[in-house]
Amino acid sequence: MKADPEINHPTPAEEVLDPISADLHGLLDLANGQALSLGEIETHLKDRGYALLVLFLAAPFPIPNIPGLSVPFGVAIMIIGVEFTLRRKPRLPQYLLRRKIQFATLQKIIPFIARLMERLERYTEPRMKFLVTGPVMTSLFGLGIVSGGLFLALPLPIPLTNGPPALSIIFLIVGLLCRDGVMIVIGHALGIAAWAYLAAWIYFGAYLIPKLQHVWDAIKHWF
């Protein structure tokens, strides 16, 4: 199967990071105070590829007080990640493309991405490019995106669970676009850390809950 050129030959950092901010800010002009669907956002960003759409979808998760996006955005990221893994051009189903994002939410998301990109570009440069190119690394990158999307799609009642997988996806996308293997490594490390954090909650929860139940039973006997 022929690999998608956008995946195997990303643009150098100096040619990508500045236009990213400009394209994302252009979404606010496109919205003009109204809600935008993912389909409209995809059309606006298509010249930059689905990598930018994933970056946009992952950006809301580290931001507090933006409810209702976790499951649909996580599923969309996961679908695109599967296509990256298979080295095919990503496509989203129509029911996701019709999903609308309110203008107030766009006003929070877009400046956050722009500020993050401005900070990351200070440390980003083409390096360790063997971690970015080639079918094996492309599929590994896609698996990282799938993993992060799956994590974000889980409705977990656990604090601080959205930040690490969202940042993992963001670092992976920046690494891909900028051919920066260091960013790719950081992205995979954050993804592993996210699942380790969840595993720790599950393990200690299973251990502590019975103990707390015994304590509660003992307290009830005092009354």
N, C-alpha and C. Protein backbone atom coordinates (compact mmCIF):
# COMPACT_ATOMS: atom_id res chain seq x y z
N MET A 1 0.83 -1.19 0.00
CA MET A 1 0.00 0.00 0.00
C MET A 1 0.87 1.25 0.00
N LYS A 2 0.56 2.17 -0.85
CA LYS A 2 1.39 3.35 -0.97
C LYS A 2 1.12 4.30 0.19
N ALA A 3 2.18 4.80 0.80
CA ALA A 3 2.03 5.68 1.94
C ALA A 3 1.57 7.06 1.48
N ASP A 4 0.80 7.72 2.35
CA ASP A 4 0.35 9.07 2.04
C ASP A 4 1.54 10.02 2.12
N PRO A 5 1.77 10.87 1.13
CA PRO A 5 2.92 11.76 1.15
C PRO A 5 2.92 12.70 2.33
N GLU A 6 1.74 13.11 2.76
CA GLU A 6 1.64 14.03 3.88
C GLU A 6 2.20 13.42 5.16
N ILE A 7 2.13 12.07 5.26
CA ILE A 7 2.58 11.39 6.46
C ILE A 7 4.08 11.15 6.44
N ASN A 8 4.60 10.73 5.31
CA ASN A 8 6.00 10.36 5.24
C ASN A 8 6.94 11.53 4.95
N HIS A 9 6.41 12.63 4.46
CA HIS A 9 7.27 13.75 4.11
C HIS A 9 6.73 15.04 4.70
N PRO A 10 6.73 15.18 6.04
CA PRO A 10 6.23 16.39 6.64
C PRO A 10 7.13 17.57 6.33
N THR A 11 6.58 18.75 6.48
CA THR A 11 7.31 19.96 6.16
C THR A 11 8.24 20.34 7.30
N PRO A 12 9.42 20.92 7.03
CA PRO A 12 10.33 21.32 8.09
C PRO A 12 9.69 22.34 9.03
N ALA A 13 10.23 22.40 10.24
CA ALA A 13 9.64 23.25 11.27
C ALA A 13 9.56 24.69 10.85
N GLU A 14 10.62 25.19 10.25
CA GLU A 14 10.64 26.60 9.92
C GLU A 14 9.61 26.97 8.86
N GLU A 15 9.06 25.96 8.15
CA GLU A 15 8.07 26.23 7.14
C GLU A 15 6.65 25.96 7.63
N VAL A 16 6.52 25.40 8.85
CA VAL A 16 5.21 24.95 9.28
C VAL A 16 4.68 25.73 10.48
N LEU A 17 5.49 25.93 11.52
CA LEU A 17 4.96 26.39 12.78
C LEU A 17 4.30 27.76 12.69
N ASP A 18 4.91 28.73 12.02
CA ASP A 18 4.28 30.04 11.91
C ASP A 18 2.95 29.98 11.16
N PRO A 19 2.88 29.32 9.98
CA PRO A 19 1.58 29.24 9.30
C PRO A 19 0.51 28.52 10.11
N ILE A 20 0.88 27.61 10.99
CA ILE A 20 -0.13 26.93 11.80
C ILE A 20 -0.93 27.96 12.60
N SER A 21 -0.25 28.85 13.27
CA SER A 21 -0.94 29.86 14.06
C SER A 21 -1.85 30.70 13.18
N ALA A 22 -1.36 31.08 12.02
CA ALA A 22 -2.16 31.90 11.12
C ALA A 22 -3.41 31.16 10.65
N ASP A 23 -3.25 29.89 10.28
CA ASP A 23 -4.41 29.11 9.82
C ASP A 23 -5.44 28.93 10.92
N LEU A 24 -4.96 28.68 12.14
CA LEU A 24 -5.88 28.47 13.24
C LEU A 24 -6.61 29.75 13.61
N HIS A 25 -5.89 30.87 13.62
CA HIS A 25 -6.56 32.14 13.88
C HIS A 25 -7.58 32.45 12.80
N GLY A 26 -7.32 31.97 11.59
CA GLY A 26 -8.28 32.18 10.51
C GLY A 26 -9.61 31.51 10.76
N LEU A 27 -9.64 30.50 11.65
CA LEU A 27 -10.91 29.85 11.99
C LEU A 27 -11.86 30.81 12.69
N LEU A 28 -11.31 31.71 13.51
CA LEU A 28 -12.17 32.68 14.19
C LEU A 28 -12.81 33.63 13.18
N ASP A 29 -12.02 34.02 12.17
CA ASP A 29 -12.60 34.87 11.12
C ASP A 29 -13.66 34.10 10.34
N LEU A 30 -13.39 32.81 10.07
CA LEU A 30 -14.35 31.98 9.35
C LEU A 30 -15.65 31.84 10.14
N ALA A 31 -15.52 31.66 11.47
CA ALA A 31 -16.71 31.48 12.31
C ALA A 31 -17.55 32.75 12.37
N ASN A 32 -16.89 33.89 12.46
CA ASN A 32 -17.59 35.18 12.48
C ASN A 32 -18.68 35.22 13.56
N GLY A 33 -18.30 34.71 14.75
CA GLY A 33 -19.22 34.74 15.87
C GLY A 33 -20.20 33.59 15.93
N GLN A 34 -20.14 32.65 14.97
CA GLN A 34 -21.08 31.53 14.91
C GLN A 34 -20.35 30.21 15.22
N ALA A 35 -21.14 29.17 15.50
CA ALA A 35 -20.57 27.83 15.70
C ALA A 35 -20.02 27.29 14.39
N LEU A 36 -19.00 26.47 14.49
CA LEU A 36 -18.41 25.81 13.31
C LEU A 36 -18.53 24.30 13.47
N SER A 37 -18.81 23.61 12.38
CA SER A 37 -18.81 22.15 12.41
C SER A 37 -17.40 21.64 12.17
N LEU A 38 -17.15 20.39 12.56
CA LEU A 38 -15.84 19.79 12.28
C LEU A 38 -15.60 19.71 10.77
N GLY A 39 -16.67 19.53 10.00
CA GLY A 39 -16.53 19.51 8.55
C GLY A 39 -16.01 20.84 8.02
N GLU A 40 -16.52 21.95 8.55
CA GLU A 40 -16.04 23.27 8.13
C GLU A 40 -14.60 23.49 8.56
N ILE A 41 -14.27 23.02 9.75
CA ILE A 41 -12.88 23.15 10.23
C ILE A 41 -11.95 22.30 9.37
N GLU A 42 -12.39 21.09 9.05
CA GLU A 42 -11.58 20.21 8.19
C GLU A 42 -11.33 20.86 6.84
N THR A 43 -12.35 21.46 6.25
CA THR A 43 -12.21 22.12 4.95
C THR A 43 -11.21 23.27 5.04
N HIS A 44 -11.26 24.03 6.14
CA HIS A 44 -10.34 25.16 6.30
C HIS A 44 -8.90 24.69 6.46
N LEU A 45 -8.70 23.57 7.16
CA LEU A 45 -7.35 23.11 7.48
C LEU A 45 -6.81 22.07 6.50
N LYS A 46 -7.58 21.71 5.48
CA LYS A 46 -7.20 20.56 4.66
C LYS A 46 -5.88 20.75 3.93
N ASP A 47 -5.52 22.00 3.62
CA ASP A 47 -4.25 22.21 2.95
C ASP A 47 -3.07 21.84 3.84
N ARG A 48 -3.28 21.86 5.13
CA ARG A 48 -2.23 21.49 6.09
C ARG A 48 -2.33 20.03 6.51
N GLY A 49 -3.36 19.32 6.06
CA GLY A 49 -3.46 17.90 6.37
C GLY A 49 -4.22 17.62 7.65
N TYR A 50 -4.54 16.35 7.83
CA TYR A 50 -5.30 15.92 9.00
C TYR A 50 -4.49 16.02 10.28
N ALA A 51 -3.17 16.13 10.17
CA ALA A 51 -2.37 16.29 11.38
C ALA A 51 -2.80 17.54 12.14
N LEU A 52 -3.07 18.63 11.41
CA LEU A 52 -3.51 19.85 12.07
C LEU A 52 -4.90 19.69 12.69
N LEU A 53 -5.75 18.92 12.05
CA LEU A 53 -7.08 18.68 12.61
C LEU A 53 -6.96 17.93 13.93
N VAL A 54 -6.06 16.94 13.99
CA VAL A 54 -5.84 16.22 15.24
C VAL A 54 -5.32 17.17 16.31
N LEU A 55 -4.40 18.05 15.93
CA LEU A 55 -3.88 19.05 16.86
C LEU A 55 -5.02 19.89 17.42
N PHE A 56 -5.93 20.31 16.56
CA PHE A 56 -7.07 21.11 17.00
C PHE A 56 -7.99 20.30 17.92
N LEU A 57 -8.22 19.03 17.58
CA LEU A 57 -9.12 18.20 18.38
C LEU A 57 -8.55 17.91 19.77
N ALA A 58 -7.23 17.78 19.86
CA ALA A 58 -6.61 17.45 21.15
C ALA A 58 -6.46 18.67 22.05
N ALA A 59 -6.45 19.86 21.46
CA ALA A 59 -6.15 21.07 22.22
C ALA A 59 -7.12 21.38 23.35
N PRO A 60 -8.43 21.10 23.22
CA PRO A 60 -9.34 21.48 24.31
C PRO A 60 -9.14 20.71 25.61
N PHE A 61 -8.55 19.54 25.56
CA PHE A 61 -8.56 18.66 26.73
C PHE A 61 -7.74 19.20 27.91
N PRO A 62 -6.58 19.84 27.68
CA PRO A 62 -5.89 20.40 28.85
C PRO A 62 -6.55 21.67 29.38
N ILE A 63 -7.57 22.20 28.69
CA ILE A 63 -8.22 23.44 29.10
C ILE A 63 -9.41 23.09 30.00
N PRO A 64 -9.48 23.64 31.22
CA PRO A 64 -10.63 23.34 32.09
C PRO A 64 -11.91 24.02 31.60
N ASN A 65 -13.02 23.48 32.05
CA ASN A 65 -14.34 24.08 31.81
C ASN A 65 -14.75 24.09 30.34
N ILE A 66 -14.36 23.05 29.58
CA ILE A 66 -14.88 22.88 28.23
C ILE A 66 -15.51 21.49 28.17
N PRO A 67 -16.76 21.36 28.65
CA PRO A 67 -17.40 20.04 28.73
C PRO A 67 -17.99 19.59 27.40
N GLY A 68 -18.29 18.29 27.32
CA GLY A 68 -19.05 17.76 26.21
C GLY A 68 -18.27 17.40 24.97
N LEU A 69 -16.95 17.55 24.99
CA LEU A 69 -16.15 17.29 23.79
C LEU A 69 -15.34 16.01 23.90
N SER A 70 -15.24 15.45 25.09
CA SER A 70 -14.31 14.36 25.33
C SER A 70 -14.57 13.16 24.42
N VAL A 71 -15.81 12.64 24.46
CA VAL A 71 -16.09 11.42 23.71
C VAL A 71 -16.03 11.65 22.19
N PRO A 72 -16.76 12.64 21.62
CA PRO A 72 -16.70 12.80 20.15
C PRO A 72 -15.31 13.16 19.64
N PHE A 73 -14.60 14.03 20.34
CA PHE A 73 -13.26 14.41 19.90
C PHE A 73 -12.30 13.23 20.05
N GLY A 74 -12.42 12.49 21.15
CA GLY A 74 -11.56 11.32 21.34
C GLY A 74 -11.78 10.28 20.26
N VAL A 75 -13.05 10.04 19.90
CA VAL A 75 -13.35 9.08 18.84
C VAL A 75 -12.79 9.56 17.50
N ALA A 76 -12.94 10.84 17.21
CA ALA A 76 -12.42 11.38 15.95
C ALA A 76 -10.90 11.23 15.88
N ILE A 77 -10.22 11.54 16.98
CA ILE A 77 -8.76 11.39 17.02
C ILE A 77 -8.38 9.93 16.80
N MET A 78 -9.11 9.02 17.43
CA MET A 78 -8.82 7.60 17.31
C MET A 78 -8.99 7.12 15.87
N ILE A 79 -10.05 7.57 15.20
CA ILE A 79 -10.28 7.17 13.81
C ILE A 79 -9.14 7.66 12.91
N ILE A 80 -8.74 8.91 13.09
CA ILE A 80 -7.63 9.45 12.28
C ILE A 80 -6.35 8.70 12.59
N GLY A 81 -6.13 8.36 13.88
CA GLY A 81 -4.94 7.61 14.26
C GLY A 81 -4.87 6.25 13.60
N VAL A 82 -6.02 5.56 13.49
CA VAL A 82 -6.06 4.26 12.80
C VAL A 82 -5.62 4.42 11.36
N GLU A 83 -6.10 5.48 10.70
CA GLU A 83 -5.73 5.70 9.30
C GLU A 83 -4.24 6.01 9.17
N PHE A 84 -3.69 6.77 10.11
CA PHE A 84 -2.25 7.01 10.11
C PHE A 84 -1.50 5.69 10.28
N THR A 85 -1.99 4.85 11.19
CA THR A 85 -1.33 3.56 11.43
C THR A 85 -1.29 2.71 10.17
N LEU A 86 -2.39 2.73 9.42
CA LEU A 86 -2.49 1.96 8.18
C LEU A 86 -1.89 2.70 6.99
N ARG A 87 -1.38 3.92 7.25
CA ARG A 87 -0.74 4.75 6.22
C ARG A 87 -1.72 5.04 5.07
N ARG A 88 -2.95 5.39 5.48
CA ARG A 88 -3.96 5.78 4.51
C ARG A 88 -4.41 7.21 4.79
N LYS A 89 -4.99 7.84 3.79
CA LYS A 89 -5.50 9.19 3.97
C LYS A 89 -6.69 9.15 4.93
N PRO A 90 -6.62 9.90 6.04
CA PRO A 90 -7.70 9.84 7.02
C PRO A 90 -9.01 10.43 6.48
N ARG A 91 -10.11 9.86 6.95
CA ARG A 91 -11.44 10.37 6.65
C ARG A 91 -12.31 10.18 7.88
N LEU A 92 -13.11 11.18 8.17
CA LEU A 92 -14.02 11.10 9.31
C LEU A 92 -15.44 10.82 8.83
N PRO A 93 -16.22 10.05 9.60
CA PRO A 93 -17.62 9.81 9.22
C PRO A 93 -18.44 11.10 9.31
N GLN A 94 -19.55 11.13 8.58
CA GLN A 94 -20.36 12.34 8.48
C GLN A 94 -20.94 12.77 9.82
N TYR A 95 -21.28 11.81 10.68
CA TYR A 95 -21.89 12.21 11.94
C TYR A 95 -20.92 13.00 12.81
N LEU A 96 -19.61 12.75 12.65
CA LEU A 96 -18.62 13.54 13.38
C LEU A 96 -18.37 14.87 12.68
N LEU A 97 -18.37 14.86 11.35
CA LEU A 97 -18.14 16.10 10.61
C LEU A 97 -19.26 17.11 10.85
N ARG A 98 -20.45 16.62 11.19
CA ARG A 98 -21.58 17.52 11.45
C ARG A 98 -21.56 18.09 12.87
N ARG A 99 -20.70 17.56 13.72
CA ARG A 99 -20.63 18.03 15.11
C ARG A 99 -20.17 19.48 15.16
N LYS A 100 -20.92 20.34 15.85
CA LYS A 100 -20.63 21.77 15.88
C LYS A 100 -19.91 22.16 17.17
N ILE A 101 -19.05 23.16 17.06
CA ILE A 101 -18.34 23.71 18.21
C ILE A 101 -18.76 25.17 18.34
N GLN A 102 -19.20 25.52 19.53
CA GLN A 102 -19.69 26.88 19.75
C GLN A 102 -18.55 27.89 19.65
N PHE A 103 -18.89 29.10 19.26
CA PHE A 103 -17.88 30.14 19.06
C PHE A 103 -17.13 30.45 20.36
N ALA A 104 -17.85 30.43 21.49
CA ALA A 104 -17.20 30.68 22.78
C ALA A 104 -16.11 29.65 23.05
N THR A 105 -16.36 28.40 22.63
CA THR A 105 -15.35 27.35 22.80
C THR A 105 -14.18 27.57 21.86
N LEU A 106 -14.47 27.97 20.62
CA LEU A 106 -13.39 28.28 19.67
C LEU A 106 -12.50 29.39 20.21
N GLN A 107 -13.10 30.37 20.87
CA GLN A 107 -12.32 31.48 21.41
C GLN A 107 -11.37 31.03 22.51
N LYS A 108 -11.68 29.91 23.17
CA LYS A 108 -10.77 29.37 24.18
C LYS A 108 -9.71 28.46 23.56
N ILE A 109 -10.14 27.63 22.59
CA ILE A 109 -9.24 26.63 22.02
C ILE A 109 -8.14 27.26 21.18
N ILE A 110 -8.52 28.13 20.26
CA ILE A 110 -7.57 28.62 19.26
C ILE A 110 -6.43 29.43 19.89
N PRO A 111 -6.70 30.38 20.79
CA PRO A 111 -5.56 31.07 21.42
C PRO A 111 -4.65 30.14 22.21
N PHE A 112 -5.25 29.10 22.82
CA PHE A 112 -4.43 28.14 23.56
C PHE A 112 -3.45 27.43 22.62
N ILE A 113 -3.95 26.96 21.47
CA ILE A 113 -3.07 26.29 20.51
C ILE A 113 -1.99 27.23 20.03
N ALA A 114 -2.38 28.47 19.72
CA ALA A 114 -1.41 29.43 19.20
C ALA A 114 -0.29 29.69 20.20
N ARG A 115 -0.68 29.88 21.48
CA ARG A 115 0.35 30.12 22.50
C ARG A 115 1.25 28.90 22.67
N LEU A 116 0.63 27.71 22.65
CA LEU A 116 1.42 26.48 22.79
C LEU A 116 2.40 26.32 21.64
N MET A 117 1.95 26.61 20.42
CA MET A 117 2.84 26.49 19.27
C MET A 117 3.97 27.49 19.34
N GLU A 118 3.68 28.70 19.79
CA GLU A 118 4.74 29.70 19.91
C GLU A 118 5.80 29.26 20.90
N ARG A 119 5.38 28.60 21.98
CA ARG A 119 6.35 28.13 22.97
C ARG A 119 7.13 26.92 22.45
N LEU A 120 6.42 26.01 21.79
CA LEU A 120 7.09 24.80 21.31
C LEU A 120 8.10 25.11 20.21
N GLU A 121 7.79 26.09 19.36
CA GLU A 121 8.67 26.35 18.23
C GLU A 121 10.05 26.86 18.67
N ARG A 122 10.14 27.36 19.89
CA ARG A 122 11.44 27.78 20.40
C ARG A 122 12.38 26.59 20.59
N TYR A 123 11.80 25.42 20.80
CA TYR A 123 12.61 24.24 21.11
C TYR A 123 12.56 23.18 20.00
N THR A 124 11.86 23.48 18.92
CA THR A 124 11.64 22.48 17.88
C THR A 124 12.54 22.73 16.69
N GLU A 125 13.13 21.66 16.19
CA GLU A 125 13.97 21.72 14.99
C GLU A 125 14.05 20.33 14.39
N PRO A 126 14.31 20.22 13.09
CA PRO A 126 14.45 18.88 12.50
C PRO A 126 15.65 18.13 13.11
N ARG A 127 15.41 17.01 13.76
CA ARG A 127 16.46 16.21 14.40
C ARG A 127 15.92 14.81 14.64
N MET A 128 16.82 13.87 14.76
CA MET A 128 16.45 12.46 14.97
C MET A 128 15.32 12.06 14.02
N LYS A 129 15.50 12.42 12.75
CA LYS A 129 14.42 12.25 11.77
C LYS A 129 14.12 10.79 11.48
N PHE A 130 14.98 9.87 11.89
CA PHE A 130 14.69 8.45 11.71
C PHE A 130 13.49 8.01 12.54
N LEU A 131 13.12 8.80 13.57
CA LEU A 131 11.95 8.50 14.38
C LEU A 131 10.66 9.02 13.76
N VAL A 132 10.78 9.74 12.65
CA VAL A 132 9.62 10.37 12.03
C VAL A 132 9.28 9.73 10.69
N THR A 133 10.28 9.29 9.95
CA THR A 133 10.05 8.79 8.60
C THR A 133 10.07 7.26 8.57
N GLY A 134 9.53 6.70 7.49
CA GLY A 134 9.52 5.25 7.31
C GLY A 134 8.21 4.64 7.75
N PRO A 135 7.83 3.51 7.15
CA PRO A 135 6.53 2.89 7.45
C PRO A 135 6.38 2.44 8.89
N VAL A 136 7.45 1.90 9.49
CA VAL A 136 7.34 1.40 10.88
C VAL A 136 7.09 2.56 11.83
N MET A 137 7.87 3.64 11.70
CA MET A 137 7.71 4.78 12.59
C MET A 137 6.38 5.49 12.34
N THR A 138 5.93 5.50 11.10
CA THR A 138 4.63 6.10 10.79
C THR A 138 3.51 5.33 11.48
N SER A 139 3.58 4.00 11.43
CA SER A 139 2.57 3.18 12.10
C SER A 139 2.65 3.33 13.61
N LEU A 140 3.87 3.42 14.14
CA LEU A 140 4.03 3.61 15.58
C LEU A 140 3.46 4.96 16.01
N PHE A 141 3.69 5.98 15.18
CA PHE A 141 3.10 7.29 15.43
C PHE A 141 1.57 7.19 15.46
N GLY A 142 1.01 6.48 14.48
CA GLY A 142 -0.44 6.31 14.43
C GLY A 142 -0.98 5.60 15.66
N LEU A 143 -0.26 4.59 16.13
CA LEU A 143 -0.69 3.88 17.34
C LEU A 143 -0.69 4.80 18.55
N GLY A 144 0.29 5.71 18.59
CA GLY A 144 0.31 6.69 19.68
C GLY A 144 -0.91 7.59 19.64
N ILE A 145 -1.32 7.99 18.44
CA ILE A 145 -2.51 8.82 18.29
C ILE A 145 -3.76 8.03 18.69
N VAL A 146 -3.84 6.76 18.26
CA VAL A 146 -4.98 5.91 18.63
C VAL A 146 -5.06 5.76 20.14
N SER A 147 -3.92 5.51 20.77
CA SER A 147 -3.88 5.34 22.22
C SER A 147 -4.39 6.59 22.93
N GLY A 148 -3.89 7.75 22.50
CA GLY A 148 -4.33 8.99 23.13
C GLY A 148 -5.81 9.25 22.90
N GLY A 149 -6.29 9.00 21.68
CA GLY A 149 -7.70 9.21 21.38
C GLY A 149 -8.60 8.30 22.20
N LEU A 150 -8.19 7.03 22.34
CA LEU A 150 -8.97 6.09 23.15
C LEU A 150 -9.05 6.55 24.60
N PHE A 151 -7.93 6.99 25.12
CA PHE A 151 -7.90 7.46 26.51
C PHE A 151 -8.84 8.65 26.69
N LEU A 152 -8.79 9.60 25.75
CA LEU A 152 -9.62 10.80 25.86
C LEU A 152 -11.10 10.48 25.70
N ALA A 153 -11.42 9.43 24.95
CA ALA A 153 -12.82 9.06 24.73
C ALA A 153 -13.44 8.36 25.93
N LEU A 154 -12.61 7.88 26.86
CA LEU A 154 -13.14 7.20 28.04
C LEU A 154 -13.71 8.22 29.02
N PRO A 155 -14.96 8.07 29.44
CA PRO A 155 -15.54 9.02 30.41
C PRO A 155 -15.08 8.68 31.82
N LEU A 156 -13.86 9.05 32.15
CA LEU A 156 -13.27 8.66 33.42
C LEU A 156 -13.55 9.72 34.49
N PRO A 157 -14.10 9.31 35.64
CA PRO A 157 -14.33 10.27 36.75
C PRO A 157 -13.08 10.41 37.62
N ILE A 158 -11.95 10.62 36.99
CA ILE A 158 -10.67 10.70 37.69
C ILE A 158 -10.04 12.05 37.37
N PRO A 159 -9.55 12.78 38.36
CA PRO A 159 -8.96 14.09 38.08
C PRO A 159 -7.65 13.98 37.30
N LEU A 160 -7.38 14.99 36.49
CA LEU A 160 -6.11 15.16 35.78
C LEU A 160 -5.83 14.04 34.78
N THR A 161 -6.88 13.45 34.21
CA THR A 161 -6.64 12.36 33.25
C THR A 161 -6.56 12.85 31.81
N ASN A 162 -7.12 14.01 31.50
CA ASN A 162 -7.16 14.46 30.10
C ASN A 162 -5.86 15.12 29.65
N GLY A 163 -5.17 15.77 30.58
CA GLY A 163 -3.97 16.53 30.19
C GLY A 163 -2.88 15.70 29.55
N PRO A 164 -2.38 14.64 30.20
CA PRO A 164 -1.25 13.88 29.63
C PRO A 164 -1.53 13.27 28.26
N PRO A 165 -2.68 12.57 28.03
CA PRO A 165 -2.89 12.03 26.68
C PRO A 165 -3.07 13.12 25.63
N ALA A 166 -3.71 14.24 25.99
CA ALA A 166 -3.87 15.34 25.03
C ALA A 166 -2.51 15.93 24.66
N LEU A 167 -1.67 16.15 25.66
CA LEU A 167 -0.34 16.68 25.38
C LEU A 167 0.49 15.66 24.61
N SER A 168 0.29 14.37 24.88
CA SER A 168 0.97 13.34 24.11
C SER A 168 0.66 13.47 22.63
N ILE A 169 -0.63 13.64 22.30
CA ILE A 169 -1.05 13.79 20.91
C ILE A 169 -0.45 15.05 20.31
N ILE A 170 -0.49 16.15 21.06
CA ILE A 170 0.03 17.42 20.55
C ILE A 170 1.52 17.31 20.25
N PHE A 171 2.29 16.71 21.15
CA PHE A 171 3.72 16.55 20.91
C PHE A 171 3.99 15.64 19.72
N LEU A 172 3.21 14.58 19.58
CA LEU A 172 3.38 13.68 18.44
C LEU A 172 3.12 14.42 17.12
N ILE A 173 2.05 15.22 17.08
CA ILE A 173 1.72 15.94 15.86
C ILE A 173 2.79 16.97 15.53
N VAL A 174 3.25 17.71 16.54
CA VAL A 174 4.31 18.70 16.31
C VAL A 174 5.57 17.99 15.83
N GLY A 175 5.89 16.85 16.43
CA GLY A 175 7.06 16.09 15.99
C GLY A 175 6.95 15.66 14.54
N LEU A 176 5.74 15.21 14.14
CA LEU A 176 5.53 14.79 12.76
C LEU A 176 5.69 15.96 11.80
N LEU A 177 5.01 17.07 12.08
CA LEU A 177 5.03 18.21 11.18
C LEU A 177 6.42 18.84 11.07
N CYS A 178 7.16 18.79 12.18
CA CYS A 178 8.46 19.47 12.22
C CYS A 178 9.63 18.52 12.07
N ARG A 179 9.35 17.25 11.82
CA ARG A 179 10.40 16.23 11.68
C ARG A 179 11.34 16.24 12.88
N ASP A 180 10.76 16.35 14.05
CA ASP A 180 11.53 16.43 15.28
C ASP A 180 11.32 15.16 16.10
N GLY A 181 12.31 14.27 16.07
CA GLY A 181 12.22 13.01 16.78
C GLY A 181 12.15 13.17 18.28
N VAL A 182 12.74 14.25 18.83
CA VAL A 182 12.68 14.49 20.27
C VAL A 182 11.23 14.71 20.70
N MET A 183 10.48 15.49 19.92
CA MET A 183 9.08 15.72 20.23
C MET A 183 8.28 14.41 20.14
N ILE A 184 8.64 13.56 19.19
CA ILE A 184 7.98 12.26 19.06
C ILE A 184 8.22 11.42 20.32
N VAL A 185 9.45 11.41 20.81
CA VAL A 185 9.78 10.64 22.03
C VAL A 185 8.99 11.18 23.21
N ILE A 186 8.94 12.51 23.35
CA ILE A 186 8.18 13.11 24.46
C ILE A 186 6.70 12.72 24.35
N GLY A 187 6.17 12.75 23.13
CA GLY A 187 4.78 12.38 22.93
C GLY A 187 4.48 10.96 23.35
N HIS A 188 5.34 10.01 22.93
CA HIS A 188 5.13 8.62 23.33
C HIS A 188 5.28 8.44 24.84
N ALA A 189 6.24 9.16 25.45
CA ALA A 189 6.46 9.05 26.89
C ALA A 189 5.24 9.55 27.66
N LEU A 190 4.65 10.65 27.21
CA LEU A 190 3.45 11.18 27.86
C LEU A 190 2.27 10.21 27.72
N GLY A 191 2.18 9.55 26.56
CA GLY A 191 1.12 8.57 26.37
C GLY A 191 1.25 7.40 27.33
N ILE A 192 2.48 6.90 27.51
CA ILE A 192 2.72 5.80 28.45
C ILE A 192 2.42 6.26 29.87
N ALA A 193 2.83 7.50 30.20
CA ALA A 193 2.59 8.03 31.54
C ALA A 193 1.09 8.14 31.84
N ALA A 194 0.30 8.49 30.83
CA ALA A 194 -1.15 8.61 31.02
C ALA A 194 -1.76 7.27 31.42
N TRP A 195 -1.39 6.21 30.71
CA TRP A 195 -1.93 4.89 31.03
C TRP A 195 -1.40 4.39 32.37
N ALA A 196 -0.15 4.73 32.71
CA ALA A 196 0.40 4.34 34.01
C ALA A 196 -0.36 5.03 35.14
N TYR A 197 -0.71 6.29 34.92
CA TYR A 197 -1.49 7.04 35.92
C TYR A 197 -2.86 6.39 36.13
N LEU A 198 -3.51 6.00 35.04
CA LEU A 198 -4.81 5.33 35.14
C LEU A 198 -4.67 3.99 35.86
N ALA A 199 -3.62 3.25 35.52
CA ALA A 199 -3.40 1.95 36.16
C ALA A 199 -3.18 2.11 37.67
N ALA A 200 -2.47 3.18 38.05
CA ALA A 200 -2.23 3.42 39.48
C ALA A 200 -3.54 3.70 40.21
N TRP A 201 -4.43 4.48 39.58
CA TRP A 201 -5.73 4.75 40.19
C TRP A 201 -6.54 3.46 40.35
N ILE A 202 -6.52 2.63 39.32
CA ILE A 202 -7.27 1.37 39.39
C ILE A 202 -6.71 0.45 40.48
N TYR A 203 -5.38 0.35 40.52
CA TYR A 203 -4.74 -0.55 41.48
C TYR A 203 -4.99 -0.08 42.92
N PHE A 204 -4.71 1.19 43.18
CA PHE A 204 -4.86 1.68 44.55
C PHE A 204 -6.32 1.80 44.94
N GLY A 205 -7.20 2.07 43.93
CA GLY A 205 -8.63 2.09 44.23
C GLY A 205 -9.12 0.73 44.66
N ALA A 206 -8.69 -0.32 43.94
CA ALA A 206 -9.11 -1.68 44.29
C ALA A 206 -8.56 -2.09 45.65
N TYR A 207 -7.41 -1.53 46.03
CA TYR A 207 -6.81 -1.87 47.32
C TYR A 207 -7.43 -1.08 48.46
N LEU A 208 -7.68 0.22 48.22
CA LEU A 208 -8.11 1.10 49.31
C LEU A 208 -9.60 1.03 49.60
N ILE A 209 -10.43 0.83 48.56
CA ILE A 209 -11.87 0.86 48.77
C ILE A 209 -12.34 -0.18 49.79
N PRO A 210 -11.87 -1.45 49.70
CA PRO A 210 -12.27 -2.41 50.76
C PRO A 210 -11.79 -1.99 52.14
N LYS A 211 -10.58 -1.41 52.21
CA LYS A 211 -10.07 -0.95 53.50
C LYS A 211 -10.94 0.14 54.08
N LEU A 212 -11.33 1.10 53.21
CA LEU A 212 -12.18 2.19 53.66
C LEU A 212 -13.55 1.68 54.10
N GLN A 213 -14.03 0.65 53.42
CA GLN A 213 -15.32 0.06 53.81
C GLN A 213 -15.25 -0.53 55.21
N HIS A 214 -14.13 -1.19 55.53
CA HIS A 214 -13.95 -1.75 56.87
C HIS A 214 -13.92 -0.64 57.92
N VAL A 215 -13.24 0.46 57.59
CA VAL A 215 -13.18 1.59 58.53
C VAL A 215 -14.57 2.16 58.75
N TRP A 216 -15.34 2.31 57.66
CA TRP A 216 -16.69 2.85 57.77
C TRP A 216 -17.58 1.93 58.60
N ASP A 217 -17.45 0.62 58.41
CA ASP A 217 -18.24 -0.33 59.20
C ASP A 217 -17.89 -0.22 60.68
N ALA A 218 -16.59 -0.03 60.96
CA ALA A 218 -16.18 0.11 62.36
C ALA A 218 -16.73 1.38 62.97
N ILE A 219 -16.75 2.47 62.21
CA ILE A 219 -17.27 3.74 62.71
C ILE A 219 -18.77 3.61 63.01
N LYS A 220 -19.49 2.92 62.13
CA LYS A 220 -20.93 2.77 62.33
C LYS A 220 -21.25 2.02 63.62
N HIS A 221 -20.38 1.12 64.04
CA HIS A 221 -20.62 0.36 65.27
C HIS A 221 -20.47 1.23 66.52
N TRP A 222 -19.85 2.41 66.37
CA TRP A 222 -19.67 3.29 67.52
C TRP A 222 -20.97 4.03 67.86
N PHE A 223 -21.92 4.03 66.95
CA PHE A 223 -23.15 4.81 67.16
C PHE A 223 -24.36 3.88 67.36
